[in-house]
Protein backbone atom coordinates (compact mmCIF):
# COMPACT_ATOMS: atom_id res chain seq x y z
CA UNK A 1 -5.54 211.78 209.83
CA UNK A 2 -4.67 209.32 207.08
CA UNK A 3 -4.69 205.53 207.43
CA UNK A 4 -0.96 205.50 206.68
CA UNK A 5 -0.29 207.95 209.56
CA UNK A 6 -2.37 205.82 211.92
CA UNK A 7 -0.47 202.65 210.91
CA UNK A 8 2.86 204.43 211.41
CA UNK A 9 1.76 205.65 214.85
CA UNK A 10 0.72 202.13 215.88
CA UNK A 11 4.01 200.73 214.62
CA UNK A 12 6.06 203.25 216.62
CA UNK A 13 3.93 202.55 219.71
CA UNK A 14 4.62 198.83 219.33
CA UNK A 15 8.34 199.51 218.91
CA UNK A 16 8.44 201.67 222.06
CA UNK A 17 6.59 198.94 223.96
CA UNK A 18 9.15 196.43 222.68
CA UNK A 19 12.04 198.55 223.95
CA UNK A 20 10.35 199.03 227.34
CA UNK A 21 9.91 195.27 227.68
CA UNK A 22 13.53 194.78 226.66
CA UNK A 23 14.59 197.14 229.42
CA UNK A 24 12.64 195.08 231.97
CA UNK A 25 14.22 191.92 230.60
CA UNK A 26 17.69 193.41 230.98
CA UNK A 27 17.13 194.09 234.68
CA UNK A 28 15.61 190.65 235.21
CA UNK A 29 18.56 188.84 233.66
CA UNK A 30 21.83 188.39 235.61
CA UNK A 31 24.70 190.37 234.11
CA UNK A 32 28.40 189.96 234.76
CA UNK A 33 31.44 192.05 233.84
CA UNK A 34 33.08 191.45 230.48
CA UNK A 35 36.12 189.84 232.12
CA UNK A 36 34.11 187.10 233.83
CA UNK A 37 33.51 183.80 232.05
CA UNK A 38 29.99 182.97 230.96
CA UNK A 39 27.94 181.00 233.46
CA UNK A 40 26.95 177.49 232.61
CA UNK A 41 23.60 177.68 230.81
CA UNK A 42 20.62 175.91 232.40
CA UNK A 43 19.53 172.57 231.06
CA UNK A 44 17.42 172.93 227.95
CA UNK A 45 13.81 171.82 228.13
CA UNK A 46 12.80 169.14 225.69
CA UNK A 47 10.96 170.43 222.65
CA UNK A 48 8.31 168.64 220.66
CA UNK A 49 8.64 167.87 216.92
CA UNK A 50 6.01 170.57 216.30
CA UNK A 51 8.12 173.14 218.19
CA UNK A 52 11.19 172.15 216.20
CA UNK A 53 9.28 172.45 212.93
CA UNK A 54 8.00 175.91 213.89
CA UNK A 55 11.52 177.01 214.84
CA UNK A 56 12.75 175.89 211.43
CA UNK A 57 9.91 177.80 209.74
CA UNK A 58 10.82 180.97 211.63
CA UNK A 59 14.51 180.57 210.76
CA UNK A 60 13.63 180.13 207.08
CA UNK A 61 11.38 183.21 207.22
CA UNK A 62 14.05 185.40 208.90
CA UNK A 63 16.78 184.34 206.47
CA UNK A 64 14.54 184.93 203.46
CA UNK A 65 13.48 188.31 204.89
CA UNK A 66 17.09 189.46 205.14
CA UNK A 67 17.77 188.06 201.68
CA UNK A 68 15.37 190.67 200.29
CA UNK A 69 17.96 193.35 201.01
CA UNK A 70 21.02 194.07 198.89
CA UNK A 71 24.09 196.10 199.91
CA UNK A 72 26.39 197.76 197.35
CA UNK A 73 29.67 199.40 198.28
CA UNK A 74 31.71 202.26 196.86
CA UNK A 75 31.63 203.96 193.47
CA UNK A 76 31.84 200.62 191.64
CA UNK A 77 28.84 199.35 193.68
CA UNK A 78 30.47 196.09 194.73
CA UNK A 79 27.77 193.76 196.17
CA UNK A 80 28.10 192.65 199.77
CA UNK A 81 27.33 189.02 200.60
CA UNK A 82 24.87 187.97 203.30
CA UNK A 83 26.37 184.91 204.98
CA UNK A 84 24.09 181.91 204.51
CA UNK A 85 24.45 180.76 208.12
CA UNK A 86 23.45 183.21 210.89
CA UNK A 87 26.21 184.07 213.37
CA UNK A 88 23.90 183.56 216.34
CA UNK A 89 20.39 182.32 217.15
CA UNK A 90 18.77 183.74 220.27
CA UNK A 91 15.45 184.28 222.06
CA UNK A 92 14.18 186.28 225.03
CA UNK A 93 10.77 185.15 226.35
CA UNK A 94 10.68 187.93 228.97
CA UNK A 95 10.75 190.68 226.31
CA UNK A 96 8.52 188.70 223.97
CA UNK A 97 11.15 187.69 221.41
CA UNK A 98 10.23 184.15 220.40
CA UNK A 99 13.16 183.85 218.03
CA UNK A 100 16.01 185.96 216.76
CA UNK A 101 19.21 185.85 214.79
CA UNK A 102 22.34 187.86 214.06
CA UNK A 103 23.48 187.99 210.45
CA UNK A 104 26.46 189.49 208.65
CA UNK A 105 27.07 191.10 205.26
CA UNK A 106 30.66 190.89 204.03
CA UNK A 107 32.72 192.20 201.14
CA UNK A 108 35.92 190.40 200.22
CA UNK A 109 35.83 188.68 203.59
CA UNK A 110 35.67 191.83 205.72
CA UNK A 111 32.37 192.63 207.51
CA UNK A 112 30.25 195.42 206.00
CA UNK A 113 27.10 195.45 208.15
CA UNK A 114 25.74 193.49 211.09
CA UNK A 115 22.01 192.81 211.24
CA UNK A 116 19.79 191.61 214.06
CA UNK A 117 16.31 190.21 213.44
CA UNK A 118 13.84 189.80 216.32
CA UNK A 119 10.69 187.71 215.76
CA UNK A 120 8.07 188.68 218.37
CA UNK A 121 4.98 187.14 216.85
CA UNK A 122 3.24 186.69 213.54
CA UNK A 123 2.18 190.35 213.36
CA UNK A 124 5.38 192.01 214.59
CA UNK A 125 9.08 191.61 213.81
CA UNK A 126 11.96 194.09 214.13
CA UNK A 127 15.23 194.28 212.21
CA UNK A 128 18.30 196.39 212.98
CA UNK A 129 21.18 197.12 210.59
CA UNK A 130 24.50 198.62 211.74
CA UNK A 131 27.38 199.60 209.47
CA UNK A 132 30.84 198.24 210.37
CA UNK A 133 32.74 199.74 207.46
CA UNK A 134 34.11 203.23 206.71
CA UNK A 135 33.29 202.71 203.00
CA UNK A 136 30.16 204.39 201.61
CA UNK A 137 27.35 202.03 200.64
CA UNK A 138 23.68 201.80 199.77
CA UNK A 139 21.03 199.25 200.70
CA UNK A 140 18.30 198.31 198.27
CA UNK A 141 15.08 196.34 198.61
CA UNK A 142 14.17 195.42 195.08
CA UNK A 143 14.73 198.60 193.11
CA UNK A 144 14.06 200.95 196.05
CA UNK A 145 16.95 202.59 197.87
CA UNK A 146 16.11 202.40 201.59
CA UNK A 147 19.40 203.07 203.42
CA UNK A 148 22.36 205.21 202.40
CA UNK A 149 24.40 206.60 205.30
CA UNK A 150 25.50 210.19 204.71
CA UNK A 151 28.72 209.57 206.62
CA UNK A 152 30.48 206.72 208.37
CA UNK A 153 30.93 206.65 212.13
CA UNK A 154 32.69 203.30 212.23
CA UNK A 155 36.48 203.58 212.31
CA UNK A 156 39.42 201.37 213.23
CA UNK A 157 41.92 202.44 215.88
CA UNK A 158 45.43 201.19 216.44
CA UNK A 159 45.69 198.96 219.52
CA UNK A 160 48.16 200.44 221.98
CA UNK A 161 50.56 198.05 223.69
CA UNK A 162 49.23 195.05 221.79
CA UNK A 163 51.07 191.72 222.07
CA UNK A 164 53.57 190.69 219.37
CA UNK A 165 51.49 188.67 216.87
CA UNK A 166 51.82 184.92 217.26
CA UNK A 167 52.90 182.89 214.26
CA UNK A 168 50.01 180.39 214.18
CA UNK A 169 46.29 181.00 213.67
CA UNK A 170 45.35 179.09 216.82
CA UNK A 171 47.71 181.13 218.99
CA UNK A 172 46.49 184.36 217.39
CA UNK A 173 42.90 183.38 218.28
CA UNK A 174 44.02 183.02 221.90
CA UNK A 175 45.61 186.48 221.67
CA UNK A 176 42.44 187.98 220.23
CA UNK A 177 40.33 186.51 223.03
CA UNK A 178 42.74 187.97 225.58
CA UNK A 179 42.65 191.38 223.88
CA UNK A 180 38.84 191.36 223.70
CA UNK A 181 38.69 190.59 227.43
CA UNK A 182 40.66 193.80 228.12
CA UNK A 183 37.64 195.86 227.02
CA UNK A 184 34.68 196.75 229.22
CA UNK A 185 31.48 197.94 227.54
CA UNK A 186 28.63 199.64 229.39
CA UNK A 187 25.08 200.23 228.16
CA UNK A 188 22.79 203.02 229.40
CA UNK A 189 19.81 200.73 228.98
CA UNK A 190 16.17 201.77 229.31
CA UNK A 191 13.65 203.84 227.39
CA UNK A 192 12.55 206.27 230.14
CA UNK A 193 14.96 205.72 233.02
CA UNK A 194 18.30 204.39 231.73
CA UNK A 195 20.48 202.39 234.09
CA UNK A 196 24.11 201.50 233.50
CA UNK A 197 24.57 197.86 232.59
CA UNK A 198 27.93 196.11 232.16
CA UNK A 199 27.72 193.97 229.05
CA UNK A 200 29.04 190.42 228.97
CA UNK A 201 31.75 189.47 226.52
CA UNK A 202 30.71 186.29 224.74
CA UNK A 203 33.93 184.24 224.83
CA UNK A 204 33.65 182.76 221.35
CA UNK A 205 33.94 185.16 218.40
CA UNK A 206 30.78 185.30 216.31
CA UNK A 207 32.83 185.26 213.13
CA UNK A 208 36.45 184.95 211.96
CA UNK A 209 37.73 186.19 208.63
CA UNK A 210 40.65 187.19 206.44
CA UNK A 211 40.81 189.65 203.54
CA UNK A 212 44.03 189.59 201.54
CA UNK A 213 43.03 192.55 199.33
CA UNK A 214 42.41 194.71 202.42
CA UNK A 215 45.58 193.49 204.14
CA UNK A 216 43.68 191.63 206.88
CA UNK A 217 45.78 188.68 208.04
CA UNK A 218 43.39 187.71 210.84
CA UNK A 219 40.07 189.16 211.93
CA UNK A 220 37.39 188.33 214.47
CA UNK A 221 33.99 189.73 215.42
CA UNK A 222 33.22 189.62 219.15
CA UNK A 223 29.95 190.57 220.82
CA UNK A 224 29.13 192.18 224.15
CA UNK A 225 25.69 191.04 225.21
CA UNK A 226 22.79 191.04 227.62
CA UNK A 227 22.09 187.37 228.04
CA UNK A 228 22.80 186.24 224.50
CA UNK A 229 21.40 189.36 222.82
CA UNK A 230 24.34 191.41 221.41
CA UNK A 231 24.28 195.13 222.27
CA UNK A 232 27.73 195.99 220.85
CA UNK A 233 30.23 194.32 218.54
CA UNK A 234 34.01 194.54 218.44
CA UNK A 235 35.99 194.01 215.25
CA UNK A 236 39.56 193.02 216.07
CA UNK A 237 42.10 192.68 213.25
CA UNK A 238 45.73 191.88 212.62
CA UNK A 239 46.65 193.81 209.49
CA UNK A 240 49.63 194.31 207.24
CA UNK A 241 51.46 197.58 207.99
CA UNK A 242 54.28 197.84 205.44
CA UNK A 243 56.66 195.01 206.26
CA UNK A 244 55.22 194.60 209.74
CA UNK A 245 51.93 193.60 211.31
CA UNK A 246 49.76 195.61 213.68
CA UNK A 247 46.59 195.12 215.73
CA UNK A 248 43.59 197.38 215.23
CA UNK A 249 40.03 197.44 216.56
CA UNK A 250 36.66 199.10 216.01
CA UNK A 251 33.32 199.11 217.85
CA UNK A 252 29.79 199.33 216.50
CA UNK A 253 26.45 199.51 218.34
CA UNK A 254 23.64 196.98 218.16
CA UNK A 255 21.22 199.03 220.24
CA UNK A 256 19.70 202.51 220.21
CA UNK A 257 21.00 203.24 223.73
CA UNK A 258 24.21 204.98 224.78
CA UNK A 259 27.33 202.79 224.85
CA UNK A 260 30.86 203.32 226.20
CA UNK A 261 33.96 201.15 225.88
CA UNK A 262 37.12 201.30 227.96
CA UNK A 263 40.41 199.44 227.82
CA UNK A 264 42.78 199.40 230.78
CA UNK A 265 40.72 202.21 232.37
CA UNK A 266 41.04 204.39 229.25
CA UNK A 267 37.92 205.41 227.33
CA UNK A 268 38.37 204.26 223.73
CA UNK A 269 34.88 204.56 222.19
CA UNK A 270 31.41 205.87 222.85
CA UNK A 271 28.17 206.59 221.05
CA UNK A 272 25.12 208.45 222.32
CA UNK A 273 21.50 207.36 222.47
CA UNK A 274 19.76 207.29 219.07
CA UNK A 275 15.96 206.97 219.18
CA UNK A 276 15.70 207.25 215.42
CA UNK A 277 13.72 204.74 213.40
CA UNK A 278 13.60 203.83 209.71
CA UNK A 279 16.17 206.51 208.92
CA UNK A 280 17.58 206.69 205.40
CA UNK A 281 20.92 208.48 205.91
CA UNK A 282 22.16 207.48 209.39
CA UNK A 283 24.89 204.83 209.97
CA UNK A 284 22.20 202.52 211.39
CA UNK A 285 18.68 201.53 210.40
CA UNK A 286 16.23 200.24 213.01
CA UNK A 287 12.54 199.55 212.60
CA UNK A 288 9.73 197.01 212.17
CA UNK A 289 10.15 194.56 209.32
CA UNK A 290 7.68 195.31 206.49
CA UNK A 291 6.60 191.97 204.95
CA UNK A 292 5.63 191.62 201.32
CA UNK A 293 1.87 191.29 200.66
CA UNK A 294 2.24 187.63 199.70
CA UNK A 295 4.88 186.76 202.31
CA UNK A 296 3.96 183.82 204.55
CA UNK A 297 4.84 184.54 208.20
CA UNK A 298 4.98 181.59 210.60
CA UNK A 299 3.38 181.66 214.05
């Protein structure tokens, strides 16, 4: 057995352990239906200057790690932009995640891929990429092609019985929050013995956007989460439809486990379990982060 095979086996074992711990964390954390407002978070413990400095070092490391990847879309290979500011910063001490973030790649304003980075410790980090575009694309790290989905599974659907679009941006945001709250998302969470979990809609959108070239008048990215860790994302858009406007939506996973979404008791989206890691041609890419030989990783 080669050294490379042994390293790969240890990496997969660590990843399975991570997912098992995450399952335990999910059952330990209180969950509430998507329609319920978020509970008031507990008071934050005071952190020392050293803790703050270490948190900043980890944030810098995670952002620079994601900056090593480049996405190019379509036949003209248009580059996608990684937003400089993460959409969300999170941690989960129960599952061993000291620090984590959610990032977003965009093209022309519209989201292209959502990425989640989990920092467990100095020797182990995990990143997850999920496509939120029907357009073909390729991800590069340096000159190496590492991710090129063979087909897209993300798709927008027309929103049935949506409200007439409001005239102002502020009122449309209120409408989008109300529409997002009409969805319920469940997660068959757990590596060996999945249990159905109702994900919590985070009331504030992670990101808002417009894209004139794509006809997007108003767009928002909502997350359905366990604690603060997103397991599914909802893209909700108001788009130009000839001389009129229409609402449309699309879901994407941020987990390997089975997900289902319903709206007004009607099933509108689902995706099965996908225990596939470091895949080149799937619509998602999940696996341990491989640091560069000279990359400095904080504690």
